[in-house]
Amino acid sequence: MSGARAAPAGPAQRAAALADLAARFPPGRLVAGDPDRLEPYGRDESELGSHPPDAVVLVESAADVQAVFEVAARHRVPVIPVAARSGKSGGVLALEGGIAVSLERMNRVLEICPEDLVARVEPGVITGALQAEVERHGLFYPPDPNSLDLCTIGGNVAENAGGPRALKYGVTREYVLGLTAVLPTGEVLRTGHRSIKGVAGYDLTALLVGSEGTLAVITEVMLKLLPRPRHVATALVAFGSVDDAARAVSRGRAPGVLPRRLE
């Protein structure tokens, strides 16, 4: 995560960065020097190989992320945000080593408000768990990536994840009202709004959604919710060819018929 490209940090810089991290974080929250524990943080579902970081910090707050950036900036070491590592783009691969910021412990649902139709969550919340929780309040969070039982909201935001319901409801971007994120400078940025309508000013939220962790580390997400559908019906239709199936979808969309989920 950087602006202008700089030369990779050398062994001395990396060793100094690891020493500083060890002074700031207890052993249970810092993984370093153990290839077997580092290896899982160096791959995702992209099948692009394994590229482990030099260290993993299990952060629990925005202040922790700021501390990592302070160390990384001083020693010019790359920072890579990671969560469930279920993506297929290779965004979590530490191609030049560095420090992986794992958000898996930031997994709290901070607020669900039926009156405002919003949820406020930390980035490590599992998408499927959030969906189940909001449905207990009679609400509905539409984005449903195929890995929803594993992937996290923070990863969904970073990748602008979609899923089979995207045809009817849209992708993650349509449901992110605001974000709290830590910039590489250590500054905490709060973007967006709590209300459904908020059209004035620069749309920095949209800039961060889909940026794959290259601009900031997201530490809190404000999500828009919908009322839960009262009735859901499932239909199975067989077609003779892919072309026939595609034409059927087009004919259905023309009069405004949009299925809740299309697979």
C-alpha atoms as a PDB file:
ATOM      1  CA  MET A   1       0.000   0.000   0.000  1.00  0.00           C
ATOM      2  CA  SER A   2       1.878   3.057  -1.229  1.00  0.00           C
ATOM      3  CA  GLY A   3       1.873   5.970  -3.646  1.00  0.00           C
ATOM      4  CA  ALA A   4       4.957   6.331  -5.833  1.00  0.00           C
ATOM      5  CA  ARG A   5       6.741   3.033  -6.105  1.00  0.00           C
ATOM      6  CA  ALA A   6       9.824   2.733  -3.894  1.00  0.00           C
ATOM      7  CA  ALA A   7      12.563   0.134  -3.750  1.00  0.00           C
ATOM      8  CA  PRO A   8      11.655  -2.924  -1.643  1.00  0.00           C
ATOM      9  CA  ALA A   9      12.786  -2.803   1.960  1.00  0.00           C
ATOM     10  CA  GLY A  10      16.059  -4.612   2.598  1.00  0.00           C
ATOM     11  CA  PRO A  11      16.728  -7.285   5.247  1.00  0.00           C
ATOM     12  CA  ALA A  12      17.914  -4.716   7.816  1.00  0.00           C
ATOM     13  CA  GLN A  13      14.766  -2.610   7.413  1.00  0.00           C
ATOM     14  CA  ARG A  14      12.529  -5.669   7.714  1.00  0.00           C
ATOM     15  CA  ALA A  15      14.345  -6.878  10.829  1.00  0.00           C
ATOM     16  CA  ALA A  16      14.046  -3.442  12.422  1.00  0.00           C
ATOM     17  CA  ALA A  17      10.325  -3.309  11.588  1.00  0.00           C
ATOM     18  CA  LEU A  18       9.756  -6.735  13.149  1.00  0.00           C
ATOM     19  CA  ALA A  19      11.598  -5.653  16.288  1.00  0.00           C
ATOM     20  CA  ASP A  20       9.392  -2.562  16.587  1.00  0.00           C
ATOM     21  CA  LEU A  21       6.246  -4.629  16.082  1.00  0.00           C
ATOM     22  CA  ALA A  22       7.358  -7.086  18.771  1.00  0.00           C
ATOM     23  CA  ALA A  23       7.764  -4.152  21.178  1.00  0.00           C
ATOM     24  CA  ARG A  24       4.217  -2.916  20.454  1.00  0.00           C
ATOM     25  CA  PHE A  25       2.183  -6.124  20.153  1.00  0.00           C
ATOM     26  CA  PRO A  26       2.101  -9.187  22.449  1.00  0.00           C
ATOM     27  CA  PRO A  27       3.122 -12.582  21.016  1.00  0.00           C
ATOM     28  CA  GLY A  28      -0.503 -13.721  20.714  1.00  0.00           C
ATOM     29  CA  ARG A  29      -1.216 -10.934  18.240  1.00  0.00           C
ATOM     30  CA  LEU A  30       1.988 -10.994  16.220  1.00  0.00           C
ATOM     31  CA  VAL A  31       3.001 -13.818  13.898  1.00  0.00           C
ATOM     32  CA  ALA A  32       6.627 -13.670  12.753  1.00  0.00           C
ATOM     33  CA  GLY A  33       9.469 -16.092  12.162  1.00  0.00           C
ATOM     34  CA  ASP A  34       7.186 -19.123  11.783  1.00  0.00           C
ATOM     35  CA  PRO A  35       6.780 -20.130   8.118  1.00  0.00           C
ATOM     36  CA  ASP A  36       3.987 -22.604   8.877  1.00  0.00           C
ATOM     37  CA  ARG A  37       1.850 -19.908  10.549  1.00  0.00           C
ATOM     38  CA  LEU A  38       2.697 -17.238   7.987  1.00  0.00           C
ATOM     39  CA  GLU A  39       1.966 -19.372   4.914  1.00  0.00           C
ATOM     40  CA  PRO A  40      -1.873 -19.300   5.178  1.00  0.00           C
ATOM     41  CA  TYR A  41      -1.749 -15.487   5.137  1.00  0.00           C
ATOM     42  CA  GLY A  42       0.125 -15.551   1.839  1.00  0.00           C
ATOM     43  CA  ARG A  43      -2.584 -17.071  -0.342  1.00  0.00           C
ATOM     44  CA  ASP A  44      -6.236 -16.707  -1.256  1.00  0.00           C
ATOM     45  CA  GLU A  45      -8.584 -18.487  -3.674  1.00  0.00           C
ATOM     46  CA  SER A  46      -6.931 -16.979  -6.760  1.00  0.00           C
ATOM     47  CA  GLU A  47      -4.575 -19.932  -7.312  1.00  0.00           C
ATOM     48  CA  LEU A  48      -1.765 -17.429  -7.894  1.00  0.00           C
ATOM     49  CA  GLY A  49       0.610 -19.179  -5.535  1.00  0.00           C
ATOM     50  CA  SER A  50       1.713 -18.496  -1.988  1.00  0.00           C
ATOM     51  CA  HIS A  51       3.406 -15.201  -1.085  1.00  0.00           C
ATOM     52  CA  PRO A  52       3.620 -15.008   2.724  1.00  0.00           C
ATOM     53  CA  PRO A  53       4.269 -11.699   4.479  1.00  0.00           C
ATOM     54  CA  ASP A  54       7.191 -11.167   6.840  1.00  0.00           C
ATOM     55  CA  ALA A  55       4.778 -10.725   9.744  1.00  0.00           C
ATOM     56  CA  VAL A  56       1.076 -10.724  10.568  1.00  0.00           C
ATOM     57  CA  VAL A  57      -0.455  -8.376  13.131  1.00  0.00           C
ATOM     58  CA  LEU A  58      -3.886  -9.375  14.461  1.00  0.00           C
ATOM     59  CA  VAL A  59      -5.309  -5.888  14.966  1.00  0.00           C
ATOM     60  CA  GLU A  60      -8.265  -5.161  17.235  1.00  0.00           C
ATOM     61  CA  SER A  61      -8.814  -1.443  16.691  1.00  0.00           C
ATOM     62  CA  ALA A  62      -8.086   1.514  14.447  1.00  0.00           C
ATOM     63  CA  ALA A  63      -5.330   2.473  16.893  1.00  0.00           C
ATOM     64  CA  ASP A  64      -3.632  -0.859  16.214  1.00  0.00           C
ATOM     65  CA  VAL A  65      -3.730  -0.171  12.480  1.00  0.00           C
ATOM     66  CA  GLN A  66      -2.234   3.269  13.074  1.00  0.00           C
ATOM     67  CA  ALA A  67       0.597   1.671  15.059  1.00  0.00           C
ATOM     68  CA  VAL A  68       1.347  -0.739  12.190  1.00  0.00           C
ATOM     69  CA  PHE A  69       1.424   2.089   9.660  1.00  0.00           C
ATOM     70  CA  GLU A  70       3.752   4.107  11.886  1.00  0.00           C
ATOM     71  CA  VAL A  71       6.248   1.238  11.981  1.00  0.00           C
ATOM     72  CA  ALA A  72       5.841   0.441   8.286  1.00  0.00           C
ATOM     73  CA  ALA A  73       6.335   4.064   7.210  1.00  0.00           C
ATOM     74  CA  ARG A  74       9.458   4.476   9.334  1.00  0.00           C
ATOM     75  CA  HIS A  75      11.099   1.398   7.852  1.00  0.00           C
ATOM     76  CA  ARG A  76       9.515   1.642   4.370  1.00  0.00           C
ATOM     77  CA  VAL A  77       7.936  -1.803   4.626  1.00  0.00           C
ATOM     78  CA  PRO A  78       4.768  -2.677   2.659  1.00  0.00           C
ATOM     79  CA  VAL A  79       1.419  -3.195   4.439  1.00  0.00           C
ATOM     80  CA  ILE A  80      -1.192  -5.677   3.170  1.00  0.00           C
ATOM     81  CA  PRO A  81      -4.727  -5.767   4.647  1.00  0.00           C
ATOM     82  CA  VAL A  82      -6.095  -9.318   4.935  1.00  0.00           C
ATOM     83  CA  ALA A  83      -9.231 -10.921   6.355  1.00  0.00           C
ATOM     84  CA  ALA A  84     -10.817 -14.237   5.340  1.00  0.00           C
ATOM     85  CA  ARG A  85      -8.576 -14.568   2.244  1.00  0.00           C
ATOM     86  CA  SER A  86     -11.480 -15.957   0.211  1.00  0.00           C
ATOM     87  CA  GLY A  87     -11.063 -13.583  -2.748  1.00  0.00           C
ATOM     88  CA  LYS A  88      -9.961 -14.553  -6.227  1.00  0.00           C
ATOM     89  CA  SER A  89      -8.082 -11.404  -7.260  1.00  0.00           C
ATOM     90  CA  GLY A  90      -4.800 -12.013  -5.404  1.00  0.00           C
ATOM     91  CA  GLY A  91      -5.224  -8.788  -3.458  1.00  0.00           C
ATOM     92  CA  VAL A  92      -3.821 -10.240  -0.202  1.00  0.00           C
ATOM     93  CA  LEU A  93      -0.642 -11.694  -1.696  1.00  0.00           C
ATOM     94  CA  ALA A  94       2.490 -10.143  -0.178  1.00  0.00           C
ATOM     95  CA  LEU A  95       4.508 -10.118  -3.389  1.00  0.00           C
ATOM     96  CA  GLU A  96       7.334  -8.164  -1.755  1.00  0.00           C
ATOM     97  CA  GLY A  97       6.871  -9.372   1.803  1.00  0.00           C
ATOM     98  CA  GLY A  98       5.883  -6.803   4.395  1.00  0.00           C
ATOM     99  CA  ILE A  99       3.350  -6.649   7.206  1.00  0.00           C
ATOM    100  CA  ALA A 100      -0.080  -8.242   6.856  1.00  0.00           C
ATOM    101  CA  VAL A 101      -2.773  -6.458   8.865  1.00  0.00           C
ATOM    102  CA  SER A 102      -5.288  -9.169   9.736  1.00  0.00           C
ATOM    103  CA  LEU A 103      -8.761  -7.841  10.556  1.00  0.00           C
ATOM    104  CA  GLU A 104     -10.197 -11.210  11.611  1.00  0.00           C
ATOM    105  CA  ARG A 105     -10.491 -10.166  15.268  1.00  0.00           C
ATOM    106  CA  MET A 106     -12.460  -7.024  14.437  1.00  0.00           C
ATOM    107  CA  ASN A 107     -15.631  -9.060  14.084  1.00  0.00           C
ATOM    108  CA  ARG A 108     -18.335  -7.268  16.080  1.00  0.00           C
ATOM    109  CA  VAL A 109     -21.759  -6.193  14.895  1.00  0.00           C
ATOM    110  CA  LEU A 110     -21.768  -2.787  16.580  1.00  0.00           C
ATOM    111  CA  GLU A 111     -25.333  -1.745  15.817  1.00  0.00           C
ATOM    112  CA  ILE A 112     -28.466  -2.794  13.964  1.00  0.00           C
ATOM    113  CA  CYS A 113     -31.100  -0.067  13.762  1.00  0.00           C
ATOM    114  CA  PRO A 114     -34.482  -1.081  12.259  1.00  0.00           C
ATOM    115  CA  GLU A 115     -35.702   2.525  12.493  1.00  0.00           C
ATOM    116  CA  ASP A 116     -32.912   3.864  10.274  1.00  0.00           C
ATOM    117  CA  LEU A 117     -32.462   0.656   8.231  1.00  0.00           C
ATOM    118  CA  VAL A 118     -28.722   0.624   8.923  1.00  0.00           C
ATOM    119  CA  ALA A 119     -26.144  -1.699  10.423  1.00  0.00           C
ATOM    120  CA  ARG A 120     -22.757  -0.628  11.751  1.00  0.00           C
ATOM    121  CA  VAL A 121     -20.155  -3.401  11.771  1.00  0.00           C
ATOM    122  CA  GLU A 122     -16.456  -4.077  12.020  1.00  0.00           C
ATOM    123  CA  PRO A 123     -14.716  -5.394   8.892  1.00  0.00           C
ATOM    124  CA  GLY A 124     -14.130  -8.929  10.185  1.00  0.00           C
ATOM    125  CA  VAL A 125     -17.843  -9.762  10.495  1.00  0.00           C
ATOM    126  CA  ILE A 126     -18.725 -12.830   8.406  1.00  0.00           C
ATOM    127  CA  THR A 127     -21.228 -11.867   5.707  1.00  0.00           C
ATOM    128  CA  GLY A 128     -23.514 -14.840   6.284  1.00  0.00           C
ATOM    129  CA  ALA A 129     -23.549 -14.183  10.045  1.00  0.00           C
ATOM    130  CA  LEU A 130     -24.569 -10.565   9.439  1.00  0.00           C
ATOM    131  CA  GLN A 131     -27.361 -11.653   7.121  1.00  0.00           C
ATOM    132  CA  ALA A 132     -28.703 -14.040   9.756  1.00  0.00           C
ATOM    133  CA  GLU A 133     -28.490 -11.369  12.457  1.00  0.00           C
ATOM    134  CA  VAL A 134     -30.327  -8.647  10.516  1.00  0.00           C
ATOM    135  CA  GLU A 135     -33.038 -11.108   9.495  1.00  0.00           C
ATOM    136  CA  ARG A 136     -33.811 -11.637  13.175  1.00  0.00           C
ATOM    137  CA  HIS A 137     -34.763  -7.950  13.169  1.00  0.00           C
ATOM    138  CA  GLY A 138     -37.016  -8.377  10.131  1.00  0.00           C
ATOM    139  CA  LEU A 139     -34.406  -6.826   7.855  1.00  0.00           C
ATOM    140  CA  PHE A 140     -32.432  -7.923   4.806  1.00  0.00           C
ATOM    141  CA  TYR A 141     -28.842  -7.413   3.595  1.00  0.00           C
ATOM    142  CA  PRO A 142     -28.910  -8.416  -0.092  1.00  0.00           C
ATOM    143  CA  PRO A 143     -25.257  -8.923  -1.246  1.00  0.00           C
ATOM    144  CA  ASP A 144     -24.541 -12.657  -1.207  1.00  0.00           C
ATOM    145  CA  PRO A 145     -21.083 -13.652  -2.473  1.00  0.00           C
ATOM    146  CA  ASN A 146     -20.700 -17.373  -3.089  1.00  0.00           C
ATOM    147  CA  SER A 147     -18.344 -17.549  -0.108  1.00  0.00           C
ATOM    148  CA  LEU A 148     -20.776 -15.754   2.241  1.00  0.00           C
ATOM    149  CA  ASP A 149     -20.263 -18.321   5.030  1.00  0.00           C
ATOM    150  CA  LEU A 150     -16.547 -17.493   5.025  1.00  0.00           C
ATOM    151  CA  CYS A 151     -15.973 -14.046   3.526  1.00  0.00           C
ATOM    152  CA  THR A 152     -16.107 -10.864   5.590  1.00  0.00           C
ATOM    153  CA  ILE A 153     -17.814  -7.517   5.166  1.00  0.00           C
ATOM    154  CA  GLY A 154     -14.452  -5.738   4.986  1.00  0.00           C
ATOM    155  CA  GLY A 155     -13.309  -8.029   2.186  1.00  0.00           C
ATOM    156  CA  ASN A 156     -16.645  -7.558   0.394  1.00  0.00           C
ATOM    157  CA  VAL A 157     -16.188  -3.791   0.576  1.00  0.00           C
ATOM    158  CA  ALA A 158     -12.572  -3.974  -0.603  1.00  0.00           C
ATOM    159  CA  GLU A 159     -13.546  -6.143  -3.579  1.00  0.00           C
ATOM    160  CA  ASN A 160     -17.030  -4.645  -4.198  1.00  0.00           C
ATOM    161  CA  ALA A 161     -18.401  -8.187  -4.024  1.00  0.00           C
ATOM    162  CA  GLY A 162     -21.584  -9.233  -5.770  1.00  0.00           C
ATOM    163  CA  GLY A 163     -23.253 -12.632  -5.885  1.00  0.00           C
ATOM    164  CA  PRO A 164     -26.306 -14.288  -7.458  1.00  0.00           C
ATOM    165  CA  ARG A 165     -28.660 -11.606  -6.084  1.00  0.00           C
ATOM    166  CA  ALA A 166     -26.729  -8.801  -7.815  1.00  0.00           C
ATOM    167  CA  LEU A 167     -29.076  -8.805 -10.840  1.00  0.00           C
ATOM    168  CA  LYS A 168     -31.992  -7.648  -8.712  1.00  0.00           C
ATOM    169  CA  TYR A 169     -30.344  -5.842  -5.819  1.00  0.00           C
ATOM    170  CA  GLY A 170     -26.923  -4.712  -7.024  1.00  0.00           C
ATOM    171  CA  VAL A 171     -23.482  -5.276  -5.517  1.00  0.00           C
ATOM    172  CA  THR A 172     -21.857  -4.239  -2.237  1.00  0.00           C
ATOM    173  CA  ARG A 173     -21.280  -0.646  -3.378  1.00  0.00           C
ATOM    174  CA  GLU A 174     -25.043   0.041  -3.322  1.00  0.00           C
ATOM    175  CA  TYR A 175     -25.231  -0.821   0.392  1.00  0.00           C
ATOM    176  CA  VAL A 176     -22.232   1.005   1.864  1.00  0.00           C
ATOM    177  CA  LEU A 177     -23.377   4.294   3.407  1.00  0.00           C
ATOM    178  CA  GLY A 178     -20.131   5.198   5.123  1.00  0.00           C
ATOM    179  CA  LEU A 179     -16.723   3.972   6.208  1.00  0.00           C
ATOM    180  CA  THR A 180     -14.101   4.534   8.852  1.00  0.00           C
ATOM    181  CA  ALA A 181     -10.628   3.831   7.507  1.00  0.00           C
ATOM    182  CA  VAL A 182      -6.998   4.387   8.430  1.00  0.00           C
ATOM    183  CA  LEU A 183      -4.829   5.987   5.757  1.00  0.00           C
ATOM    184  CA  PRO A 184      -1.155   5.010   5.293  1.00  0.00           C
ATOM    185  CA  THR A 185      -0.264   8.332   6.963  1.00  0.00           C
ATOM    186  CA  GLY A 186      -1.995   7.100  10.117  1.00  0.00           C
ATOM    187  CA  GLU A 187      -4.892   9.527   9.773  1.00  0.00           C
ATOM    188  CA  VAL A 188      -8.389   8.195  10.485  1.00  0.00           C
ATOM    189  CA  LEU A 189     -10.834   9.031   7.694  1.00  0.00           C
ATOM    190  CA  ARG A 190     -14.610   8.953   8.148  1.00  0.00           C
ATOM    191  CA  THR A 191     -16.636   9.057   4.957  1.00  0.00           C
ATOM    192  CA  GLY A 192     -20.272   8.998   3.960  1.00  0.00           C
ATOM    193  CA  HIS A 193     -23.332   9.350   6.133  1.00  0.00           C
ATOM    194  CA  ARG A 194     -25.849   7.442   8.208  1.00  0.00           C
ATOM    195  CA  SER A 195     -28.969   8.441   6.289  1.00  0.00           C
ATOM    196  CA  ILE A 196     -30.196   6.782   3.095  1.00  0.00           C
ATOM    197  CA  LYS A 197     -29.937  10.107   1.260  1.00  0.00           C
ATOM    198  CA  GLY A 198     -26.644  11.967   1.309  1.00  0.00           C
ATOM    199  CA  VAL A 199     -25.635  13.434  -2.028  1.00  0.00           C
ATOM    200  CA  ALA A 200     -23.495  16.495  -1.222  1.00  0.00           C
ATOM    201  CA  GLY A 201     -19.714  16.518  -1.281  1.00  0.00           C
ATOM    202  CA  TYR A 202     -17.056  14.209  -2.664  1.00  0.00           C
ATOM    203  CA  ASP A 203     -18.032  10.546  -2.686  1.00  0.00           C
ATOM    204  CA  LEU A 204     -14.967   9.189  -0.931  1.00  0.00           C
ATOM    205  CA  THR A 205     -16.920   6.123   0.177  1.00  0.00           C
ATOM    206  CA  ALA A 206     -17.325   5.043  -3.447  1.00  0.00           C
ATOM    207  CA  LEU A 207     -13.595   5.620  -3.999  1.00  0.00           C
ATOM    208  CA  LEU A 208     -12.686   3.205  -1.197  1.00  0.00           C
ATOM    209  CA  VAL A 209     -15.223   0.527  -2.122  1.00  0.00           C
ATOM    210  CA  GLY A 210     -13.525  -1.815  -4.583  1.00  0.00           C
ATOM    211  CA  SER A 211     -10.050  -0.332  -4.022  1.00  0.00           C
ATOM    212  CA  GLU A 212      -8.742  -3.734  -2.785  1.00  0.00           C
ATOM    213  CA  GLY A 213      -7.022  -2.249   0.242  1.00  0.00           C
ATOM    214  CA  THR A 214      -4.652  -0.092  -1.818  1.00  0.00           C
ATOM    215  CA  LEU A 215      -5.836   3.238  -0.357  1.00  0.00           C
ATOM    216  CA  ALA A 216      -6.646   2.549   3.291  1.00  0.00           C
ATOM    217  CA  VAL A 217      -7.475  -0.126   5.865  1.00  0.00           C
ATOM    218  CA  ILE A 218     -11.201  -0.154   6.609  1.00  0.00           C
ATOM    219  CA  THR A 219     -12.021  -0.437  10.317  1.00  0.00           C
ATOM    220  CA  GLU A 220     -15.793   0.179  10.388  1.00  0.00           C
ATOM    221  CA  VAL A 221     -18.626  -0.058   7.848  1.00  0.00           C
ATOM    222  CA  MET A 222     -22.069   1.580   7.836  1.00  0.00           C
ATOM    223  CA  LEU A 223     -24.453  -0.527   5.742  1.00  0.00           C
ATOM    224  CA  LYS A 224     -27.889   0.118   4.287  1.00  0.00           C
ATOM    225  CA  LEU A 225     -30.506  -2.538   5.002  1.00  0.00           C
ATOM    226  CA  LEU A 226     -33.852  -3.349   3.393  1.00  0.00           C
ATOM    227  CA  PRO A 227     -37.081  -4.734   4.853  1.00  0.00           C
ATOM    228  CA  ARG A 228     -37.023  -8.518   4.714  1.00  0.00           C
ATOM    229  CA  PRO A 229     -39.100  -9.892   1.788  1.00  0.00           C
ATOM    230  CA  ARG A 230     -42.338 -11.416   3.066  1.00  0.00           C
ATOM    231  CA  HIS A 231     -42.425 -14.275   0.578  1.00  0.00           C
ATOM    232  CA  VAL A 232     -39.713 -16.084  -1.379  1.00  0.00           C
ATOM    233  CA  ALA A 233     -40.446 -18.730  -4.034  1.00  0.00           C
ATOM    234  CA  THR A 234     -37.957 -20.895  -5.904  1.00  0.00           C
ATOM    235  CA  ALA A 235     -38.298 -22.088  -9.495  1.00  0.00           C
ATOM    236  CA  LEU A 236     -36.110 -24.476 -11.475  1.00  0.00           C
ATOM    237  CA  VAL A 237     -36.184 -24.052 -15.260  1.00  0.00           C
ATOM    238  CA  ALA A 238     -34.295 -26.256 -17.716  1.00  0.00           C
ATOM    239  CA  PHE A 239     -33.076 -24.925 -21.077  1.00  0.00           C
ATOM    240  CA  GLY A 240     -31.737 -26.692 -24.115  1.00  0.00           C
ATOM    241  CA  SER A 241     -28.735 -24.378 -24.443  1.00  0.00           C
ATOM    242  CA  VAL A 242     -26.946 -21.439 -22.852  1.00  0.00           C
ATOM    243  CA  ASP A 243     -28.292 -19.195 -25.618  1.00  0.00           C
ATOM    244  CA  ASP A 244     -31.870 -20.215 -24.791  1.00  0.00           C
ATOM    245  CA  ALA A 245     -31.277 -19.459 -21.109  1.00  0.00           C
ATOM    246  CA  ALA A 246     -29.790 -16.036 -21.897  1.00  0.00           C
ATOM    247  CA  ARG A 247     -32.702 -15.122 -24.155  1.00  0.00           C
ATOM    248  CA  ALA A 248     -35.188 -16.169 -21.475  1.00  0.00           C
ATOM    249  CA  VAL A 249     -33.497 -13.898 -18.931  1.00  0.00           C
ATOM    250  CA  SER A 250     -33.598 -10.981 -21.397  1.00  0.00           C
ATOM    251  CA  ARG A 251     -37.268 -11.541 -22.163  1.00  0.00           C
ATOM    252  CA  GLY A 252     -38.049 -11.667 -18.459  1.00  0.00           C
ATOM    253  CA  ARG A 253     -36.196  -8.441 -17.719  1.00  0.00           C
ATOM    254  CA  ALA A 254     -37.873  -6.475 -20.518  1.00  0.00           C
ATOM    255  CA  PRO A 255     -41.258  -6.182 -18.705  1.00  0.00           C
ATOM    256  CA  GLY A 256     -39.508  -5.556 -15.377  1.00  0.00           C
ATOM    257  CA  VAL A 257     -39.398  -9.081 -13.932  1.00  0.00           C
ATOM    258  CA  LEU A 258     -36.223  -9.447 -11.897  1.00  0.00           C
ATOM    259  CA  PRO A 259     -35.597 -12.670  -9.957  1.00  0.00           C
ATOM    260  CA  ARG A 260     -34.348 -12.326  -6.396  1.00  0.00           C
ATOM    261  CA  ARG A 261     -31.469 -14.656  -7.166  1.00  0.00           C
ATOM    262  CA  LEU A 262     -30.189 -15.941 -10.506  1.00  0.00           C
ATOM    263  CA  GLU A 263     -27.800 -18.917 -10.730  1.00  0.00           C
END
